[in-house]
Amino acid sequence: MAKDSDMLGTDAPKIRMATRRSQRVVVDLPLRVWLDVGWRQARCADLSLTGLGVALFFPLPRGQRLTVAIDMGDGHSIETAAEVVREGVFPNGVAGLRFVDPSDATLAALISCMRRHSQTRLEALDFFADDN
């Protein structure tokens, strides 16, 4: 986390507000990331309809487009395009990936997975599910 000096000259954490377009659900799912060298293993830390938080053991630059394959935890997996929107390497941080044009089938699988892993009923998921 970035630091700002306060009036006393001490370092204080800089707080950044995150604007999210959809609710995130905390998960712990196996994930594979396709890079030029092949598939690399990672962990999905949180999931939403617009993206995911990923515990990576290797750096990825902001703006890089890649393919991710998420094990949904029910015997199914999805493979979709994503873009790095926040850099981070485990254990000091989690990278943020945004889905790029996910298909209707991918969105339906995300809704199902999020419902299974959610501890509370999410109104946004009900809204999207009713449209299908």
C-alpha atoms as a PDB file:
ATOM      1  CA  MET A   1       0.000   0.000   0.000  1.00  0.00           C
ATOM      2  CA  ALA A   2       1.303   3.446  -0.844  1.00  0.00           C
ATOM      3  CA  LYS A   3       2.310   5.712   2.019  1.00  0.00           C
ATOM      4  CA  ASP A   4       1.669   9.405   2.515  1.00  0.00           C
ATOM      5  CA  SER A   5       3.431  11.479   5.136  1.00  0.00           C
ATOM      6  CA  ASP A   6       1.006  12.976   7.624  1.00  0.00           C
ATOM      7  CA  MET A   7       1.402  16.367   9.288  1.00  0.00           C
ATOM      8  CA  LEU A   8       3.761  14.892  11.904  1.00  0.00           C
ATOM      9  CA  GLY A   9       6.040  13.440   9.243  1.00  0.00           C
ATOM     10  CA  THR A  10       5.148   9.825   9.958  1.00  0.00           C
ATOM     11  CA  ASP A  11       4.157   7.439   7.238  1.00  0.00           C
ATOM     12  CA  ALA A  12       0.464   6.657   7.177  1.00  0.00           C
ATOM     13  CA  PRO A  13      -1.211   4.207   4.787  1.00  0.00           C
ATOM     14  CA  LYS A  14      -2.756   5.880   1.769  1.00  0.00           C
ATOM     15  CA  ILE A  15      -6.365   4.756   1.479  1.00  0.00           C
ATOM     16  CA  ARG A  16      -7.744   4.343  -2.028  1.00  0.00           C
ATOM     17  CA  MET A  17     -11.445   3.933  -2.562  1.00  0.00           C
ATOM     18  CA  ALA A  18     -12.348   1.120  -4.934  1.00  0.00           C
ATOM     19  CA  THR A  19     -15.303   1.608  -7.225  1.00  0.00           C
ATOM     20  CA  ARG A  20     -16.780  -1.717  -8.223  1.00  0.00           C
ATOM     21  CA  ARG A  21     -19.525  -2.337 -10.730  1.00  0.00           C
ATOM     22  CA  SER A  22     -20.618  -5.593  -9.133  1.00  0.00           C
ATOM     23  CA  GLN A  23     -20.538  -7.471  -5.841  1.00  0.00           C
ATOM     24  CA  ARG A  24     -17.503  -9.653  -5.185  1.00  0.00           C
ATOM     25  CA  VAL A  25     -17.621 -13.006  -3.440  1.00  0.00           C
ATOM     26  CA  VAL A  26     -14.602 -14.367  -1.586  1.00  0.00           C
ATOM     27  CA  VAL A  27     -13.575 -17.753  -3.007  1.00  0.00           C
ATOM     28  CA  ASP A  28     -10.526 -20.004  -3.082  1.00  0.00           C
ATOM     29  CA  LEU A  29     -10.541 -21.696  -6.471  1.00  0.00           C
ATOM     30  CA  PRO A  30      -7.789 -23.178  -8.645  1.00  0.00           C
ATOM     31  CA  LEU A  31      -6.992 -21.016 -11.640  1.00  0.00           C
ATOM     32  CA  ARG A  32      -4.734 -21.321 -14.667  1.00  0.00           C
ATOM     33  CA  VAL A  33      -3.373 -18.351 -16.574  1.00  0.00           C
ATOM     34  CA  TRP A  34      -2.249 -18.748 -20.208  1.00  0.00           C
ATOM     35  CA  LEU A  35       1.012 -16.955 -20.943  1.00  0.00           C
ATOM     36  CA  ASP A  36       3.446 -17.201 -23.855  1.00  0.00           C
ATOM     37  CA  VAL A  37       5.252 -20.000 -22.015  1.00  0.00           C
ATOM     38  CA  GLY A  38       2.068 -22.006 -21.426  1.00  0.00           C
ATOM     39  CA  TRP A  39      -0.353 -22.446 -18.531  1.00  0.00           C
ATOM     40  CA  ARG A  40       0.708 -21.177 -15.084  1.00  0.00           C
ATOM     41  CA  GLN A  41      -1.042 -22.060 -11.828  1.00  0.00           C
ATOM     42  CA  ALA A  42      -2.636 -19.424  -9.561  1.00  0.00           C
ATOM     43  CA  ARG A  43      -5.550 -19.088  -7.121  1.00  0.00           C
ATOM     44  CA  CYS A  44      -8.781 -17.148  -7.564  1.00  0.00           C
ATOM     45  CA  ALA A  45      -9.288 -15.132  -4.351  1.00  0.00           C
ATOM     46  CA  ASP A  46     -12.521 -13.317  -5.223  1.00  0.00           C
ATOM     47  CA  LEU A  47     -14.995 -13.363  -8.052  1.00  0.00           C
ATOM     48  CA  SER A  48     -17.580 -11.042  -9.582  1.00  0.00           C
ATOM     49  CA  LEU A  49     -19.469 -10.730 -12.847  1.00  0.00           C
ATOM     50  CA  THR A  50     -16.903  -8.205 -14.081  1.00  0.00           C
ATOM     51  CA  GLY A  51     -13.616  -9.717 -12.912  1.00  0.00           C
ATOM     52  CA  LEU A  52     -11.627 -11.538 -10.282  1.00  0.00           C
ATOM     53  CA  GLY A  53      -8.867 -11.171  -7.731  1.00  0.00           C
ATOM     54  CA  VAL A  54      -5.975 -13.538  -8.350  1.00  0.00           C
ATOM     55  CA  ALA A  55      -3.201 -14.693  -6.032  1.00  0.00           C
ATOM     56  CA  LEU A  56      -0.311 -14.847  -8.498  1.00  0.00           C
ATOM     57  CA  PHE A  57       3.151 -16.184  -7.816  1.00  0.00           C
ATOM     58  CA  PHE A  58       4.562 -14.229 -10.776  1.00  0.00           C
ATOM     59  CA  PRO A  59       4.133 -10.601 -11.882  1.00  0.00           C
ATOM     60  CA  LEU A  60       1.817  -9.498 -14.675  1.00  0.00           C
ATOM     61  CA  PRO A  61       1.918  -5.923 -15.995  1.00  0.00           C
ATOM     62  CA  ARG A  62      -1.172  -3.738 -15.930  1.00  0.00           C
ATOM     63  CA  GLY A  63      -2.934  -3.788 -19.305  1.00  0.00           C
ATOM     64  CA  GLN A  64      -1.762  -7.285 -20.279  1.00  0.00           C
ATOM     65  CA  ARG A  65      -4.489  -9.388 -21.901  1.00  0.00           C
ATOM     66  CA  LEU A  66      -4.521 -13.094 -21.199  1.00  0.00           C
ATOM     67  CA  THR A  67      -6.732 -16.152 -20.960  1.00  0.00           C
ATOM     68  CA  VAL A  68      -7.800 -17.561 -17.595  1.00  0.00           C
ATOM     69  CA  ALA A  69      -9.311 -20.962 -16.842  1.00  0.00           C
ATOM     70  CA  ILE A  70     -11.193 -21.075 -13.545  1.00  0.00           C
ATOM     71  CA  ASP A  71     -12.137 -24.349 -11.841  1.00  0.00           C
ATOM     72  CA  MET A  72     -15.664 -23.471 -10.683  1.00  0.00           C
ATOM     73  CA  GLY A  73     -15.626 -26.032  -7.872  1.00  0.00           C
ATOM     74  CA  ASP A  74     -18.517 -28.082  -9.227  1.00  0.00           C
ATOM     75  CA  GLY A  75     -16.623 -30.216 -11.714  1.00  0.00           C
ATOM     76  CA  HIS A  76     -16.878 -27.519 -14.400  1.00  0.00           C
ATOM     77  CA  SER A  77     -14.470 -24.832 -15.492  1.00  0.00           C
ATOM     78  CA  ILE A  78     -14.678 -21.726 -17.618  1.00  0.00           C
ATOM     79  CA  GLU A  79     -12.082 -20.257 -19.920  1.00  0.00           C
ATOM     80  CA  THR A  80     -12.304 -16.586 -20.826  1.00  0.00           C
ATOM     81  CA  ALA A  81     -10.249 -13.541 -21.779  1.00  0.00           C
ATOM     82  CA  ALA A  82      -9.186 -11.066 -19.096  1.00  0.00           C
ATOM     83  CA  GLU A  83      -7.077  -7.945 -18.697  1.00  0.00           C
ATOM     84  CA  VAL A  84      -4.828  -7.030 -15.771  1.00  0.00           C
ATOM     85  CA  VAL A  85      -6.229  -3.897 -14.108  1.00  0.00           C
ATOM     86  CA  ARG A  86      -4.295  -4.089 -10.815  1.00  0.00           C
ATOM     87  CA  GLU A  87      -0.818  -5.526 -10.302  1.00  0.00           C
ATOM     88  CA  GLY A  88      -0.069  -7.694  -7.306  1.00  0.00           C
ATOM     89  CA  VAL A  89       1.990 -10.757  -6.406  1.00  0.00           C
ATOM     90  CA  PHE A  90       1.135 -13.119  -3.548  1.00  0.00           C
ATOM     91  CA  PRO A  91       1.665 -12.909  -0.559  1.00  0.00           C
ATOM     92  CA  ASN A  92       1.947  -9.106  -0.642  1.00  0.00           C
ATOM     93  CA  GLY A  93      -0.995  -8.472  -2.937  1.00  0.00           C
ATOM     94  CA  VAL A  94      -3.659  -9.820  -5.208  1.00  0.00           C
ATOM     95  CA  ALA A  95      -3.805  -8.943  -8.903  1.00  0.00           C
ATOM     96  CA  GLY A  96      -7.070  -7.639 -10.293  1.00  0.00           C
ATOM     97  CA  LEU A  97      -8.308  -8.971 -13.628  1.00  0.00           C
ATOM     98  CA  ARG A  98     -11.268  -7.660 -15.629  1.00  0.00           C
ATOM     99  CA  PHE A  99     -13.175 -10.035 -17.874  1.00  0.00           C
ATOM    100  CA  VAL A 100     -13.086  -9.028 -21.552  1.00  0.00           C
ATOM    101  CA  ASP A 101     -16.400  -9.649 -23.342  1.00  0.00           C
ATOM    102  CA  PRO A 102     -17.495 -12.736 -21.367  1.00  0.00           C
ATOM    103  CA  SER A 103     -20.077 -14.930 -23.102  1.00  0.00           C
ATOM    104  CA  ASP A 104     -23.571 -15.494 -21.742  1.00  0.00           C
ATOM    105  CA  ALA A 105     -22.535 -19.035 -20.777  1.00  0.00           C
ATOM    106  CA  THR A 106     -19.551 -17.656 -18.840  1.00  0.00           C
ATOM    107  CA  LEU A 107     -21.784 -15.166 -17.005  1.00  0.00           C
ATOM    108  CA  ALA A 108     -24.261 -17.927 -16.134  1.00  0.00           C
ATOM    109  CA  ALA A 109     -21.419 -20.102 -14.771  1.00  0.00           C
ATOM    110  CA  LEU A 110     -20.102 -17.133 -12.739  1.00  0.00           C
ATOM    111  CA  ILE A 111     -23.552 -16.513 -11.255  1.00  0.00           C
ATOM    112  CA  SER A 112     -23.893 -20.162 -10.289  1.00  0.00           C
ATOM    113  CA  CYS A 113     -20.422 -20.265  -8.725  1.00  0.00           C
ATOM    114  CA  MET A 114     -20.946 -17.012  -6.843  1.00  0.00           C
ATOM    115  CA  ARG A 115     -24.248 -18.246  -5.435  1.00  0.00           C
ATOM    116  CA  ARG A 116     -22.595 -21.420  -4.172  1.00  0.00           C
ATOM    117  CA  HIS A 117     -19.772 -19.487  -2.510  1.00  0.00           C
ATOM    118  CA  SER A 118     -21.771 -16.561  -1.227  1.00  0.00           C
ATOM    119  CA  GLN A 119     -22.847 -16.373   2.397  1.00  0.00           C
ATOM    120  CA  THR A 120     -25.625 -13.912   1.668  1.00  0.00           C
ATOM    121  CA  ARG A 121     -28.111 -13.704  -1.189  1.00  0.00           C
ATOM    122  CA  LEU A 122     -26.949 -11.105  -3.684  1.00  0.00           C
ATOM    123  CA  GLU A 123     -29.695  -9.038  -5.268  1.00  0.00           C
ATOM    124  CA  ALA A 124     -27.542  -8.233  -8.298  1.00  0.00           C
ATOM    125  CA  LEU A 125     -27.206 -11.919  -9.109  1.00  0.00           C
ATOM    126  CA  ASP A 126     -30.969 -12.394  -8.930  1.00  0.00           C
ATOM    127  CA  PHE A 127     -31.427  -9.485 -11.332  1.00  0.00           C
ATOM    128  CA  PHE A 128     -29.048 -10.988 -13.902  1.00  0.00           C
ATOM    129  CA  ALA A 129     -30.407 -14.532 -13.465  1.00  0.00           C
ATOM    130  CA  ASP A 130     -33.981 -13.328 -14.098  1.00  0.00           C
ATOM    131  CA  ASP A 131     -32.914 -11.878 -17.467  1.00  0.00           C
ATOM    132  CA  ASN A 132     -31.775 -15.279 -18.802  1.00  0.00           C
END
